[in-house]
Amino acid sequence: VQLQASGGGRVQAGGSLRLTCSASGGSLSNYARAWFRQTPRKDREFVAAINYNKRTAYPTSAKGRFTISRDNAKNTVYLQMNNLEPEDTAIYFCAVPSKPYYYSTYPTDFAFWGQGTQVTVSS
């Protein structure tokens, strides 16, 4: 499985970005998909997840601002980020767990990772 993340960029606080994670190497329709982010000062942090049945999960910091969605026909997952804050500045990674029907929010449970896309939010 190869994952390709895109859509990052630089925005002002209050702005929006939509991240895309495209997958190749096999259908991921039965796999959870997730986004994590990382800064030099923090460990990789959970941002959003969507299960194979489209159940979603978010940390408190993302609830109400971020929305994860998936298009199984395109093997793609999206992360719509609204009302961005400077604290959201990070490299964002998409990820897939090692087995289907497995749902987790811990990065150690994910076997496949995209290359990351930089999101910078200025105040």
PDB file of N, CA and C in Angstrom:
ATOM      1  N   VAL A   1       0.843  -1.190   0.000  1.00  0.00           N
ATOM      2  CA  VAL A   1       0.000   0.000   0.000  1.00  0.00           C
ATOM      3  C   VAL A   1       0.882   1.245   0.000  1.00  0.00           C
ATOM      4  N   GLN A   2       0.581   2.148  -0.911  1.00  0.00           N
ATOM      5  CA  GLN A   2       1.277   3.433  -0.947  1.00  0.00           C
ATOM      6  C   GLN A   2       0.258   4.540  -0.735  1.00  0.00           C
ATOM      7  N   LEU A   3       0.596   5.480   0.132  1.00  0.00           N
ATOM      8  CA  LEU A   3      -0.283   6.590   0.451  1.00  0.00           C
ATOM      9  C   LEU A   3       0.374   7.890   0.029  1.00  0.00           C
ATOM     10  N   GLN A   4      -0.410   8.758  -0.560  1.00  0.00           N
ATOM     11  CA  GLN A   4       0.079  10.045  -1.024  1.00  0.00           C
ATOM     12  C   GLN A   4      -0.797  11.144  -0.436  1.00  0.00           C
ATOM     13  N   ALA A   5      -0.214  11.950   0.440  1.00  0.00           N
ATOM     14  CA  ALA A   5      -0.946  13.055   1.061  1.00  0.00           C
ATOM     15  C   ALA A   5      -0.674  14.349   0.311  1.00  0.00           C
ATOM     16  N   SER A   6      -1.707  15.162   0.198  1.00  0.00           N
ATOM     17  CA  SER A   6      -1.565  16.452  -0.472  1.00  0.00           C
ATOM     18  C   SER A   6      -2.562  17.437   0.106  1.00  0.00           C
ATOM     19  N   GLY A   7      -2.426  18.699  -0.295  1.00  0.00           N
ATOM     20  CA  GLY A   7      -3.384  19.712   0.095  1.00  0.00           C
ATOM     21  C   GLY A   7      -2.918  20.655   1.183  1.00  0.00           C
ATOM     22  N   GLY A   8      -1.752  20.412   1.733  1.00  0.00           N
ATOM     23  CA  GLY A   8      -1.239  21.322   2.753  1.00  0.00           C
ATOM     24  C   GLY A   8      -0.885  22.677   2.167  1.00  0.00           C
ATOM     25  N   GLY A   9      -0.605  23.613   3.045  1.00  0.00           N
ATOM     26  CA  GLY A   9      -0.241  24.941   2.590  1.00  0.00           C
ATOM     27  C   GLY A   9      -0.183  25.900   3.746  1.00  0.00           C
ATOM     28  N   ARG A  10      -0.152  27.174   3.406  1.00  0.00           N
ATOM     29  CA  ARG A  10      -0.080  28.231   4.415  1.00  0.00           C
ATOM     30  C   ARG A  10      -1.358  29.043   4.360  1.00  0.00           C
ATOM     31  N   VAL A  11      -1.981  29.184   5.525  1.00  0.00           N
ATOM     32  CA  VAL A  11      -3.207  29.975   5.630  1.00  0.00           C
ATOM     33  C   VAL A  11      -3.140  30.842   6.874  1.00  0.00           C
ATOM     34  N   GLN A  12      -3.998  31.835   6.905  1.00  0.00           N
ATOM     35  CA  GLN A  12      -4.112  32.650   8.114  1.00  0.00           C
ATOM     36  C   GLN A  12      -5.078  31.996   9.087  1.00  0.00           C
ATOM     37  N   ALA A  13      -4.950  32.349  10.330  1.00  0.00           N
ATOM     38  CA  ALA A  13      -5.860  31.839  11.356  1.00  0.00           C
ATOM     39  C   ALA A  13      -7.302  32.116  10.941  1.00  0.00           C
ATOM     40  N   GLY A  14      -8.147  31.103  11.127  1.00  0.00           N
ATOM     41  CA  GLY A  14      -9.539  31.204  10.721  1.00  0.00           C
ATOM     42  C   GLY A  14      -9.797  30.652   9.331  1.00  0.00           C
ATOM     43  N   GLY A  15      -8.731  30.364   8.605  1.00  0.00           N
ATOM     44  CA  GLY A  15      -8.870  29.845   7.251  1.00  0.00           C
ATOM     45  C   GLY A  15      -9.140  28.351   7.220  1.00  0.00           C
ATOM     46  N   SER A  16      -9.207  27.816   6.010  1.00  0.00           N
ATOM     47  CA  SER A  16      -9.539  26.405   5.816  1.00  0.00           C
ATOM     48  C   SER A  16      -8.567  25.757   4.831  1.00  0.00           C
ATOM     49  N   LEU A  17      -8.394  24.475   5.011  1.00  0.00           N
ATOM     50  CA  LEU A  17      -7.650  23.647   4.071  1.00  0.00           C
ATOM     51  C   LEU A  17      -8.325  22.293   3.969  1.00  0.00           C
ATOM     52  N   ARG A  18      -8.159  21.663   2.831  1.00  0.00           N
ATOM     53  CA  ARG A  18      -8.663  20.301   2.646  1.00  0.00           C
ATOM     54  C   ARG A  18      -7.499  19.410   2.240  1.00  0.00           C
ATOM     55  N   LEU A  19      -7.207  18.451   3.082  1.00  0.00           N
ATOM     56  CA  LEU A  19      -6.148  17.496   2.803  1.00  0.00           C
ATOM     57  C   LEU A  19      -6.737  16.267   2.117  1.00  0.00           C
ATOM     58  N   THR A  20      -5.942  15.690   1.228  1.00  0.00           N
ATOM     59  CA  THR A  20      -6.346  14.498   0.505  1.00  0.00           C
ATOM     60  C   THR A  20      -5.291  13.422   0.676  1.00  0.00           C
ATOM     61  N   CYS A  21      -5.734  12.204   0.872  1.00  0.00           N
ATOM     62  CA  CYS A  21      -4.820  11.061   0.956  1.00  0.00           C
ATOM     63  C   CYS A  21      -5.281  10.018  -0.051  1.00  0.00           C
ATOM     64  N   SER A  22      -4.503   9.857  -1.099  1.00  0.00           N
ATOM     65  CA  SER A  22      -4.819   8.882  -2.132  1.00  0.00           C
ATOM     66  C   SER A  22      -4.013   7.612  -1.888  1.00  0.00           C
ATOM     67  N   ALA A  23      -4.639   6.487  -2.136  1.00  0.00           N
ATOM     68  CA  ALA A  23      -3.979   5.208  -1.889  1.00  0.00           C
ATOM     69  C   ALA A  23      -3.882   4.389  -3.164  1.00  0.00           C
ATOM     70  N   SER A  24      -2.829   3.623  -3.262  1.00  0.00           N
ATOM     71  CA  SER A  24      -2.663   2.690  -4.372  1.00  0.00           C
ATOM     72  C   SER A  24      -2.090   1.391  -3.824  1.00  0.00           C
ATOM     73  N   GLY A  25      -2.210   0.345  -4.609  1.00  0.00           N
ATOM     74  CA  GLY A  25      -1.675  -0.945  -4.182  1.00  0.00           C
ATOM     75  C   GLY A  25      -2.715  -1.878  -3.616  1.00  0.00           C
ATOM     76  N   GLY A  26      -3.964  -1.510  -3.726  1.00  0.00           N
ATOM     77  CA  GLY A  26      -5.033  -2.379  -3.254  1.00  0.00           C
ATOM     78  C   GLY A  26      -6.174  -1.581  -2.674  1.00  0.00           C
ATOM     79  N   SER A  27      -7.348  -2.185  -2.667  1.00  0.00           N
ATOM     80  CA  SER A  27      -8.518  -1.509  -2.130  1.00  0.00           C
ATOM     81  C   SER A  27      -8.429  -1.435  -0.604  1.00  0.00           C
ATOM     82  N   LEU A  28      -8.772  -0.273  -0.086  1.00  0.00           N
ATOM     83  CA  LEU A  28      -8.754  -0.060   1.369  1.00  0.00           C
ATOM     84  C   LEU A  28     -10.154   0.114   1.918  1.00  0.00           C
ATOM     85  N   SER A  29     -11.146  -0.331   1.198  1.00  0.00           N
ATOM     86  CA  SER A  29     -12.526  -0.102   1.620  1.00  0.00           C
ATOM     87  C   SER A  29     -12.844  -0.770   2.952  1.00  0.00           C
ATOM     88  N   ASN A  30     -12.136  -1.814   3.326  1.00  0.00           N
ATOM     89  CA  ASN A  30     -12.379  -2.503   4.595  1.00  0.00           C
ATOM     90  C   ASN A  30     -11.393  -2.089   5.691  1.00  0.00           C
ATOM     91  N   TYR A  31     -10.642  -1.041   5.436  1.00  0.00           N
ATOM     92  CA  TYR A  31      -9.659  -0.553   6.398  1.00  0.00           C
ATOM     93  C   TYR A  31     -10.077   0.798   6.965  1.00  0.00           C
ATOM     94  N   ALA A  32      -9.782   0.994   8.238  1.00  0.00           N
ATOM     95  CA  ALA A  32      -9.890   2.328   8.794  1.00  0.00           C
ATOM     96  C   ALA A  32      -8.825   3.219   8.146  1.00  0.00           C
ATOM     97  N   ARG A  33      -9.100   4.495   8.134  1.00  0.00           N
ATOM     98  CA  ARG A  33      -8.148   5.486   7.637  1.00  0.00           C
ATOM     99  C   ARG A  33      -8.030   6.578   8.694  1.00  0.00           C
ATOM    100  N   ALA A  34      -6.868   7.165   8.784  1.00  0.00           N
ATOM    101  CA  ALA A  34      -6.676   8.162   9.838  1.00  0.00           C
ATOM    102  C   ALA A  34      -5.689   9.231   9.409  1.00  0.00           C
ATOM    103  N   TRP A  35      -5.749  10.332  10.137  1.00  0.00           N
ATOM    104  CA  TRP A  35      -4.791  11.411   9.994  1.00  0.00           C
ATOM    105  C   TRP A  35      -4.123  11.651  11.347  1.00  0.00           C
ATOM    106  N   PHE A  36      -2.832  11.897  11.283  1.00  0.00           N
ATOM    107  CA  PHE A  36      -2.044  12.285  12.441  1.00  0.00           C
ATOM    108  C   PHE A  36      -1.237  13.521  12.072  1.00  0.00           C
ATOM    109  N   ARG A  37      -0.709  14.186  13.072  1.00  0.00           N
ATOM    110  CA  ARG A  37       0.154  15.324  12.796  1.00  0.00           C
ATOM    111  C   ARG A  37       1.338  15.321  13.748  1.00  0.00           C
ATOM    112  N   GLN A  38       2.388  15.993  13.346  1.00  0.00           N
ATOM    113  CA  GLN A  38       3.595  16.001  14.164  1.00  0.00           C
ATOM    114  C   GLN A  38       4.322  17.331  14.010  1.00  0.00           C
ATOM    115  N   THR A  39       4.848  17.804  15.137  1.00  0.00           N
ATOM    116  CA  THR A  39       5.710  18.976  15.166  1.00  0.00           C
ATOM    117  C   THR A  39       7.015  18.559  15.826  1.00  0.00           C
ATOM    118  N   PRO A  40       8.062  19.379  15.685  1.00  0.00           N
ATOM    119  CA  PRO A  40       9.345  19.029  16.318  1.00  0.00           C
ATOM    120  C   PRO A  40       9.262  18.893  17.842  1.00  0.00           C
ATOM    121  N   ARG A  41       8.257  19.536  18.444  1.00  0.00           N
ATOM    122  CA  ARG A  41       8.163  19.528  19.900  1.00  0.00           C
ATOM    123  C   ARG A  41       7.215  18.485  20.455  1.00  0.00           C
ATOM    124  N   LYS A  42       6.480  17.796  19.580  1.00  0.00           N
ATOM    125  CA  LYS A  42       5.471  16.856  20.068  1.00  0.00           C
ATOM    126  C   LYS A  42       5.605  15.512  19.369  1.00  0.00           C
ATOM    127  N   ASP A  43       5.159  14.482  20.046  1.00  0.00           N
ATOM    128  CA  ASP A  43       5.031  13.173  19.413  1.00  0.00           C
ATOM    129  C   ASP A  43       3.903  13.222  18.392  1.00  0.00           C
ATOM    130  N   ARG A  44       3.860  12.211  17.542  1.00  0.00           N
ATOM    131  CA  ARG A  44       2.804  12.156  16.546  1.00  0.00           C
ATOM    132  C   ARG A  44       1.452  12.132  17.251  1.00  0.00           C
ATOM    133  N   GLU A  45       0.549  12.997  16.805  1.00  0.00           N
ATOM    134  CA  GLU A  45      -0.710  13.241  17.494  1.00  0.00           C
ATOM    135  C   GLU A  45      -1.891  12.846  16.613  1.00  0.00           C
ATOM    136  N   PHE A  46      -2.847  12.176  17.191  1.00  0.00           N
ATOM    137  CA  PHE A  46      -4.052  11.766  16.479  1.00  0.00           C
ATOM    138  C   PHE A  46      -4.894  12.983  16.130  1.00  0.00           C
ATOM    139  N   VAL A  47      -5.410  13.012  14.888  1.00  0.00           N
ATOM    140  CA  VAL A  47      -6.216  14.137  14.415  1.00  0.00           C
ATOM    141  C   VAL A  47      -7.630  13.696  14.057  1.00  0.00           C
ATOM    142  N   ALA A  48      -7.767  12.584  13.349  1.00  0.00           N
ATOM    143  CA  ALA A  48      -9.089  12.117  12.934  1.00  0.00           C
ATOM    144  C   ALA A  48      -8.968  10.702  12.406  1.00  0.00           C
ATOM    145  N   ALA A  49     -10.063   9.962  12.524  1.00  0.00           N
ATOM    146  CA  ALA A  49     -10.104   8.608  11.983  1.00  0.00           C
ATOM    147  C   ALA A  49     -11.492   8.312  11.475  1.00  0.00           C
ATOM    148  N   ILE A  50     -11.544   7.450  10.475  1.00  0.00           N
ATOM    149  CA  ILE A  50     -12.823   6.999   9.931  1.00  0.00           C
ATOM    150  C   ILE A  50     -12.732   5.505   9.704  1.00  0.00           C
ATOM    151  N   ASN A  51     -13.704   4.798  10.195  1.00  0.00           N
ATOM    152  CA  ASN A  51     -13.711   3.357  10.109  1.00  0.00           C
ATOM    153  C   ASN A  51     -14.234   2.911   8.742  1.00  0.00           C
ATOM    154  N   TYR A  52     -14.172   1.606   8.488  1.00  0.00           N
ATOM    155  CA  TYR A  52     -14.637   1.091   7.198  1.00  0.00           C
ATOM    156  C   TYR A  52     -16.127   1.370   7.017  1.00  0.00           C
ATOM    157  N   ASN A  53     -16.864   1.486   8.145  1.00  0.00           N
ATOM    158  CA  ASN A  53     -18.310   1.751   8.071  1.00  0.00           C
ATOM    159  C   ASN A  53     -18.612   3.236   8.240  1.00  0.00           C
ATOM    160  N   LYS A  54     -17.577   4.069   8.105  1.00  0.00           N
ATOM    161  CA  LYS A  54     -17.666   5.528   8.136  1.00  0.00           C
ATOM    162  C   LYS A  54     -17.948   6.100   9.516  1.00  0.00           C
ATOM    163  N   ARG A  55     -17.789   5.310  10.540  1.00  0.00           N
ATOM    164  CA  ARG A  55     -17.793   5.865  11.896  1.00  0.00           C
ATOM    165  C   ARG A  55     -16.536   6.696  12.057  1.00  0.00           C
ATOM    166  N   THR A  56     -16.669   7.873  12.679  1.00  0.00           N
ATOM    167  CA  THR A  56     -15.542   8.800  12.796  1.00  0.00           C
ATOM    168  C   THR A  56     -15.170   9.069  14.248  1.00  0.00           C
ATOM    169  N   ALA A  57     -13.957   9.522  14.442  1.00  0.00           N
ATOM    170  CA  ALA A  57     -13.484   9.888  15.781  1.00  0.00           C
ATOM    171  C   ALA A  57     -12.525  11.058  15.654  1.00  0.00           C
ATOM    172  N   TYR A  58     -12.581  11.925  16.664  1.00  0.00           N
ATOM    173  CA  TYR A  58     -11.731  13.117  16.683  1.00  0.00           C
ATOM    174  C   TYR A  58     -11.275  13.380  18.112  1.00  0.00           C
ATOM    175  N   PRO A  59     -10.113  13.965  18.292  1.00  0.00           N
ATOM    176  CA  PRO A  59      -9.747  14.443  19.617  1.00  0.00           C
ATOM    177  C   PRO A  59     -10.497  15.744  19.894  1.00  0.00           C
ATOM    178  N   THR A  60     -10.484  16.157  21.115  1.00  0.00           N
ATOM    179  CA  THR A  60     -11.213  17.366  21.502  1.00  0.00           C
ATOM    180  C   THR A  60     -10.749  18.577  20.688  1.00  0.00           C
ATOM    181  N   SER A  61      -9.467  18.636  20.408  1.00  0.00           N
ATOM    182  CA  SER A  61      -8.910  19.788  19.701  1.00  0.00           C
ATOM    183  C   SER A  61      -9.446  19.930  18.286  1.00  0.00           C
ATOM    184  N   ALA A  62      -9.951  18.838  17.717  1.00  0.00           N
ATOM    185  CA  ALA A  62     -10.406  18.861  16.324  1.00  0.00           C
ATOM    186  C   ALA A  62     -11.927  18.862  16.190  1.00  0.00           C
ATOM    187  N   LYS A  63     -12.617  18.478  17.220  1.00  0.00           N
ATOM    188  CA  LYS A  63     -14.079  18.371  17.129  1.00  0.00           C
ATOM    189  C   LYS A  63     -14.707  19.708  16.781  1.00  0.00           C
ATOM    190  N   GLY A  64     -15.631  19.667  15.822  1.00  0.00           N
ATOM    191  CA  GLY A  64     -16.316  20.878  15.411  1.00  0.00           C
ATOM    192  C   GLY A  64     -15.572  21.697  14.387  1.00  0.00           C
ATOM    193  N   ARG A  65     -14.285  21.386  14.165  1.00  0.00           N
ATOM    194  CA  ARG A  65     -13.500  22.138  13.176  1.00  0.00           C
ATOM    195  C   ARG A  65     -13.042  21.261  12.026  1.00  0.00           C
ATOM    196  N   PHE A  66     -12.719  20.000  12.313  1.00  0.00           N
ATOM    197  CA  PHE A  66     -12.195  19.082  11.305  1.00  0.00           C
ATOM    198  C   PHE A  66     -13.244  18.038  10.968  1.00  0.00           C
ATOM    199  N   THR A  67     -13.273  17.627   9.699  1.00  0.00           N
ATOM    200  CA  THR A  67     -14.175  16.573   9.255  1.00  0.00           C
ATOM    201  C   THR A  67     -13.413  15.608   8.352  1.00  0.00           C
ATOM    202  N   ILE A  68     -13.428  14.350   8.735  1.00  0.00           N
ATOM    203  CA  ILE A  68     -12.800  13.328   7.908  1.00  0.00           C
ATOM    204  C   ILE A  68     -13.885  12.619   7.096  1.00  0.00           C
ATOM    205  N   SER A  69     -13.569  12.295   5.867  1.00  0.00           N
ATOM    206  CA  SER A  69     -14.518  11.576   5.019  1.00  0.00           C
ATOM    207  C   SER A  69     -13.724  10.660   4.086  1.00  0.00           C
ATOM    208  N   ARG A  70     -14.435   9.744   3.468  1.00  0.00           N
ATOM    209  CA  ARG A  70     -13.764   8.807   2.581  1.00  0.00           C
ATOM    210  C   ARG A  70     -14.595   8.545   1.344  1.00  0.00           C
ATOM    211  N   ASP A  71     -13.904   8.259   0.252  1.00  0.00           N
ATOM    212  CA  ASP A  71     -14.532   7.865  -0.993  1.00  0.00           C
ATOM    213  C   ASP A  71     -13.883   6.538  -1.377  1.00  0.00           C
ATOM    214  N   ASN A  72     -14.556   5.449  -1.088  1.00  0.00           N
ATOM    215  CA  ASN A  72     -13.965   4.134  -1.333  1.00  0.00           C
ATOM    216  C   ASN A  72     -13.768   3.857  -2.818  1.00  0.00           C
ATOM    217  N   ALA A  73     -14.617   4.413  -3.639  1.00  0.00           N
ATOM    218  CA  ALA A  73     -14.469   4.206  -5.082  1.00  0.00           C
ATOM    219  C   ALA A  73     -13.150   4.789  -5.586  1.00  0.00           C
ATOM    220  N   LYS A  74     -12.686   5.851  -4.920  1.00  0.00           N
ATOM    221  CA  LYS A  74     -11.424   6.484  -5.304  1.00  0.00           C
ATOM    222  C   LYS A  74     -10.276   6.078  -4.393  1.00  0.00           C
ATOM    223  N   ASN A  75     -10.569   5.221  -3.398  1.00  0.00           N
ATOM    224  CA  ASN A  75      -9.529   4.799  -2.448  1.00  0.00           C
ATOM    225  C   ASN A  75      -8.889   6.008  -1.762  1.00  0.00           C
ATOM    226  N   THR A  76      -9.695   7.003  -1.478  1.00  0.00           N
ATOM    227  CA  THR A  76      -9.199   8.299  -1.010  1.00  0.00           C
ATOM    228  C   THR A  76      -9.916   8.712   0.268  1.00  0.00           C
ATOM    229  N   VAL A  77      -9.166   9.377   1.131  1.00  0.00           N
ATOM    230  CA  VAL A  77      -9.739   9.945   2.338  1.00  0.00           C
ATOM    231  C   VAL A  77      -9.397  11.433   2.368  1.00  0.00           C
ATOM    232  N   TYR A  78     -10.293  12.214   2.947  1.00  0.00           N
ATOM    233  CA  TYR A  78     -10.139  13.653   2.987  1.00  0.00           C
ATOM    234  C   TYR A  78     -10.175  14.141   4.438  1.00  0.00           C
ATOM    235  N   LEU A  79      -9.538  15.269   4.660  1.00  0.00           N
ATOM    236  CA  LEU A  79      -9.634  15.939   5.951  1.00  0.00           C
ATOM    237  C   LEU A  79      -9.925  17.409   5.686  1.00  0.00           C
ATOM    238  N   GLN A  80     -11.162  17.799   5.948  1.00  0.00           N
ATOM    239  CA  GLN A  80     -11.547  19.198   5.822  1.00  0.00           C
ATOM    240  C   GLN A  80     -11.259  19.888   7.147  1.00  0.00           C
ATOM    241  N   MET A  81     -10.436  20.922   7.093  1.00  0.00           N
ATOM    242  CA  MET A  81     -10.050  21.631   8.309  1.00  0.00           C
ATOM    243  C   MET A  81     -10.516  23.078   8.207  1.00  0.00           C
ATOM    244  N   ASN A  82     -11.384  23.447   9.114  1.00  0.00           N
ATOM    245  CA  ASN A  82     -11.932  24.804   9.146  1.00  0.00           C
ATOM    246  C   ASN A  82     -11.502  25.525  10.412  1.00  0.00           C
ATOM    247  N   ASN A  83     -11.610  26.832  10.387  1.00  0.00           N
ATOM    248  CA  ASN A  83     -11.281  27.651  11.545  1.00  0.00           C
ATOM    249  C   ASN A  83      -9.900  27.265  12.099  1.00  0.00           C
ATOM    250  N   LEU A  84      -8.942  27.209  11.235  1.00  0.00           N
ATOM    251  CA  LEU A  84      -7.607  26.775  11.631  1.00  0.00           C
ATOM    252  C   LEU A  84      -6.957  27.760  12.594  1.00  0.00           C
ATOM    253  N   GLU A  85      -6.149  27.211  13.483  1.00  0.00           N
ATOM    254  CA  GLU A  85      -5.464  27.986  14.512  1.00  0.00           C
ATOM    255  C   GLU A  85      -3.954  27.790  14.354  1.00  0.00           C
ATOM    256  N   PRO A  86      -3.154  28.735  14.820  1.00  0.00           N
ATOM    257  CA  PRO A  86      -1.700  28.565  14.742  1.00  0.00           C
ATOM    258  C   PRO A  86      -1.224  27.259  15.371  1.00  0.00           C
ATOM    259  N   GLU A  87      -1.938  26.794  16.375  1.00  0.00           N
ATOM    260  CA  GLU A  87      -1.567  25.536  17.042  1.00  0.00           C
ATOM    261  C   GLU A  87      -1.764  24.316  16.140  1.00  0.00           C
ATOM    262  N   ASP A  88      -2.463  24.489  15.027  1.00  0.00           N
ATOM    263  CA  ASP A  88      -2.646  23.389  14.076  1.00  0.00           C
ATOM    264  C   ASP A  88      -1.453  23.241  13.139  1.00  0.00           C
ATOM    265  N   THR A  89      -0.516  24.153  13.214  1.00  0.00           N
ATOM    266  CA  THR A  89       0.674  24.067  12.377  1.00  0.00           C
ATOM    267  C   THR A  89       1.439  22.786  12.668  1.00  0.00           C
ATOM    268  N   ALA A  90       1.649  21.987  11.629  1.00  0.00           N
ATOM    269  CA  ALA A  90       2.316  20.690  11.785  1.00  0.00           C
ATOM    270  C   ALA A  90       2.462  20.045  10.415  1.00  0.00           C
ATOM    271  N   ILE A  91       3.157  18.940  10.396  1.00  0.00           N
ATOM    272  CA  ILE A  91       3.136  18.061   9.222  1.00  0.00           C
ATOM    273  C   ILE A  91       2.034  17.041   9.455  1.00  0.00           C
ATOM    274  N   TYR A  92       1.158  16.913   8.480  1.00  0.00           N
ATOM    275  CA  TYR A  92       0.015  16.013   8.607  1.00  0.00           C
ATOM    276  C   TYR A  92       0.280  14.747   7.786  1.00  0.00           C
ATOM    277  N   PHE A  93       0.037  13.615   8.425  1.00  0.00           N
ATOM    278  CA  PHE A  93       0.260  12.309   7.819  1.00  0.00           C
ATOM    279  C   PHE A  93      -1.049  11.533   7.756  1.00  0.00           C
ATOM    280  N   CYS A  94      -1.276  10.857   6.643  1.00  0.00           N
ATOM    281  CA  CYS A  94      -2.371   9.911   6.597  1.00  0.00           C
ATOM    282  C   CYS A  94      -1.815   8.507   6.850  1.00  0.00           C
ATOM    283  N   ALA A  95      -2.678   7.648   7.355  1.00  0.00           N
ATOM    284  CA  ALA A  95      -2.199   6.334   7.762  1.00  0.00           C
ATOM    285  C   ALA A  95      -3.293   5.286   7.638  1.00  0.00           C
ATOM    286  N   VAL A  96      -2.850   4.045   7.522  1.00  0.00           N
ATOM    287  CA  VAL A  96      -3.740   2.890   7.420  1.00  0.00           C
ATOM    288  C   VAL A  96      -3.238   1.821   8.382  1.00  0.00           C
ATOM    289  N   PRO A  97      -4.119   1.172   9.113  1.00  0.00           N
ATOM    290  CA  PRO A  97      -3.662   0.132  10.042  1.00  0.00           C
ATOM    291  C   PRO A  97      -3.212  -1.126   9.307  1.00  0.00           C
ATOM    292  N   SER A  98      -2.631  -2.037  10.050  1.00  0.00           N
ATOM    293  CA  SER A  98      -2.025  -3.224   9.440  1.00  0.00           C
ATOM    294  C   SER A  98      -3.050  -4.262   9.010  1.00  0.00           C
ATOM    295  N   LYS A  99      -4.270  -4.180   9.520  1.00  0.00           N
ATOM    296  CA  LYS A  99      -5.265  -5.189   9.167  1.00  0.00           C
ATOM    297  C   LYS A  99      -6.632  -4.544   8.987  1.00  0.00           C
ATOM    298  N   PRO A 100      -7.503  -5.189   8.206  1.00  0.00           N
ATOM    299  CA  PRO A 100      -8.838  -4.632   7.977  1.00  0.00           C
ATOM    300  C   PRO A 100      -9.718  -4.738   9.201  1.00  0.00           C
ATOM    301  N   TYR A 101     -10.743  -3.927   9.212  1.00  0.00           N
ATOM    302  CA  TYR A 101     -11.752  -3.915  10.274  1.00  0.00           C
ATOM    303  C   TYR A 101     -11.145  -3.594  11.640  1.00  0.00           C
ATOM    304  N   TYR A 102      -9.966  -3.061  11.654  1.00  0.00           N
ATOM    305  CA  TYR A 102      -9.295  -2.715  12.899  1.00  0.00           C
ATOM    306  C   TYR A 102      -9.321  -1.214  13.061  1.00  0.00           C
ATOM    307  N   TYR A 103      -9.795  -0.761  14.215  1.00  0.00           N
ATOM    308  CA  TYR A 103     -10.012   0.662  14.460  1.00  0.00           C
ATOM    309  C   TYR A 103      -9.142   1.109  15.619  1.00  0.00           C
ATOM    310  N   SER A 104      -8.365   2.128  15.412  1.00  0.00           N
ATOM    311  CA  SER A 104      -7.482   2.609  16.465  1.00  0.00           C
ATOM    312  C   SER A 104      -7.203   4.087  16.261  1.00  0.00           C
ATOM    313  N   THR A 105      -6.798   4.749  17.324  1.00  0.00           N
ATOM    314  CA  THR A 105      -6.354   6.130  17.262  1.00  0.00           C
ATOM    315  C   THR A 105      -4.897   6.260  17.711  1.00  0.00           C
ATOM    316  N   TYR A 106      -4.216   5.143  17.862  1.00  0.00           N
ATOM    317  CA  TYR A 106      -2.827   5.146  18.298  1.00  0.00           C
ATOM    318  C   TYR A 106      -1.894   4.937  17.097  1.00  0.00           C
ATOM    319  N   PRO A 107      -0.925   5.801  16.923  1.00  0.00           N
ATOM    320  CA  PRO A 107      -0.062   5.687  15.732  1.00  0.00           C
ATOM    321  C   PRO A 107       0.680   4.358  15.639  1.00  0.00           C
ATOM    322  N   THR A 108       0.964   3.726  16.752  1.00  0.00           N
ATOM    323  CA  THR A 108       1.682   2.454  16.713  1.00  0.00           C
ATOM    324  C   THR A 108       0.860   1.327  16.094  1.00  0.00           C
ATOM    325  N   ASP A 109      -0.434   1.545  15.955  1.00  0.00           N
ATOM    326  CA  ASP A 109      -1.302   0.524  15.348  1.00  0.00           C
ATOM    327  C   ASP A 109      -1.411   0.676  13.835  1.00  0.00           C
ATOM    328  N   PHE A 110      -0.723   1.662  13.286  1.00  0.00           N
ATOM    329  CA  PHE A 110      -0.820   1.930  11.856  1.00  0.00           C
ATOM    330  C   PHE A 110       0.476   1.508  11.162  1.00  0.00           C
ATOM    331  N   ALA A 111       0.305   0.734  10.084  1.00  0.00           N
ATOM    332  CA  ALA A 111       1.464   0.148   9.409  1.00  0.00           C
ATOM    333  C   ALA A 111       1.894   0.924   8.177  1.00  0.00           C
ATOM    334  N   PHE A 112       0.961   1.645   7.573  1.00  0.00           N
ATOM    335  CA  PHE A 112       1.249   2.327   6.313  1.00  0.00           C
ATOM    336  C   PHE A 112       1.044   3.835   6.501  1.00  0.00           C
ATOM    337  N   TRP A 113       2.021   4.603   6.009  1.00  0.00           N
ATOM    338  CA  TRP A 113       2.008   6.049   6.208  1.00  0.00           C
ATOM    339  C   TRP A 113       2.306   6.778   4.910  1.00  0.00           C
ATOM    340  N   GLY A 114       1.626   7.893   4.730  1.00  0.00           N
ATOM    341  CA  GLY A 114       1.973   8.769   3.630  1.00  0.00           C
ATOM    342  C   GLY A 114       3.199   9.583   3.988  1.00  0.00           C
ATOM    343  N   GLN A 115       3.641  10.397   3.051  1.00  0.00           N
ATOM    344  CA  GLN A 115       4.891  11.131   3.223  1.00  0.00           C
ATOM    345  C   GLN A 115       4.715  12.411   4.043  1.00  0.00           C
ATOM    346  N   GLY A 116       3.494  12.823   4.280  1.00  0.00           N
ATOM    347  CA  GLY A 116       3.262  14.037   5.056  1.00  0.00           C
ATOM    348  C   GLY A 116       3.078  15.259   4.190  1.00  0.00           C
ATOM    349  N   THR A 117       2.245  16.160   4.663  1.00  0.00           N
ATOM    350  CA  THR A 117       2.032  17.429   3.976  1.00  0.00           C
ATOM    351  C   THR A 117       2.029  18.537   5.033  1.00  0.00           C
ATOM    352  N   GLN A 118       2.742  19.602   4.753  1.00  0.00           N
ATOM    353  CA  GLN A 118       2.921  20.669   5.728  1.00  0.00           C
ATOM    354  C   GLN A 118       1.729  21.601   5.751  1.00  0.00           C
ATOM    355  N   VAL A 119       1.236  21.868   6.959  1.00  0.00           N
ATOM    356  CA  VAL A 119       0.186  22.862   7.175  1.00  0.00           C
ATOM    357  C   VAL A 119       0.766  23.940   8.086  1.00  0.00           C
ATOM    358  N   THR A 120       0.703  25.172   7.633  1.00  0.00           N
ATOM    359  CA  THR A 120       1.207  26.304   8.410  1.00  0.00           C
ATOM    360  C   THR A 120       0.098  27.325   8.562  1.00  0.00           C
ATOM    361  N   VAL A 121      -0.218  27.658   9.809  1.00  0.00           N
ATOM    362  CA  VAL A 121      -1.282  28.619  10.102  1.00  0.00           C
ATOM    363  C   VAL A 121      -0.650  29.819  10.795  1.00  0.00           C
ATOM    364  N   SER A 122      -0.792  30.963  10.191  1.00  0.00           N
ATOM    365  CA  SER A 122      -0.196  32.172  10.759  1.00  0.00           C
ATOM    366  C   SER A 122      -1.258  32.979  11.492  1.00  0.00           C
ATOM    367  N   SER A 123      -0.810  33.677  12.529  1.00  0.00           N
ATOM    368  CA  SER A 123      -1.749  34.461  13.336  1.00  0.00           C
ATOM    369  C   SER A 123      -1.936  35.859  12.770  1.00  0.00           C
TER     370      SER A 123
END
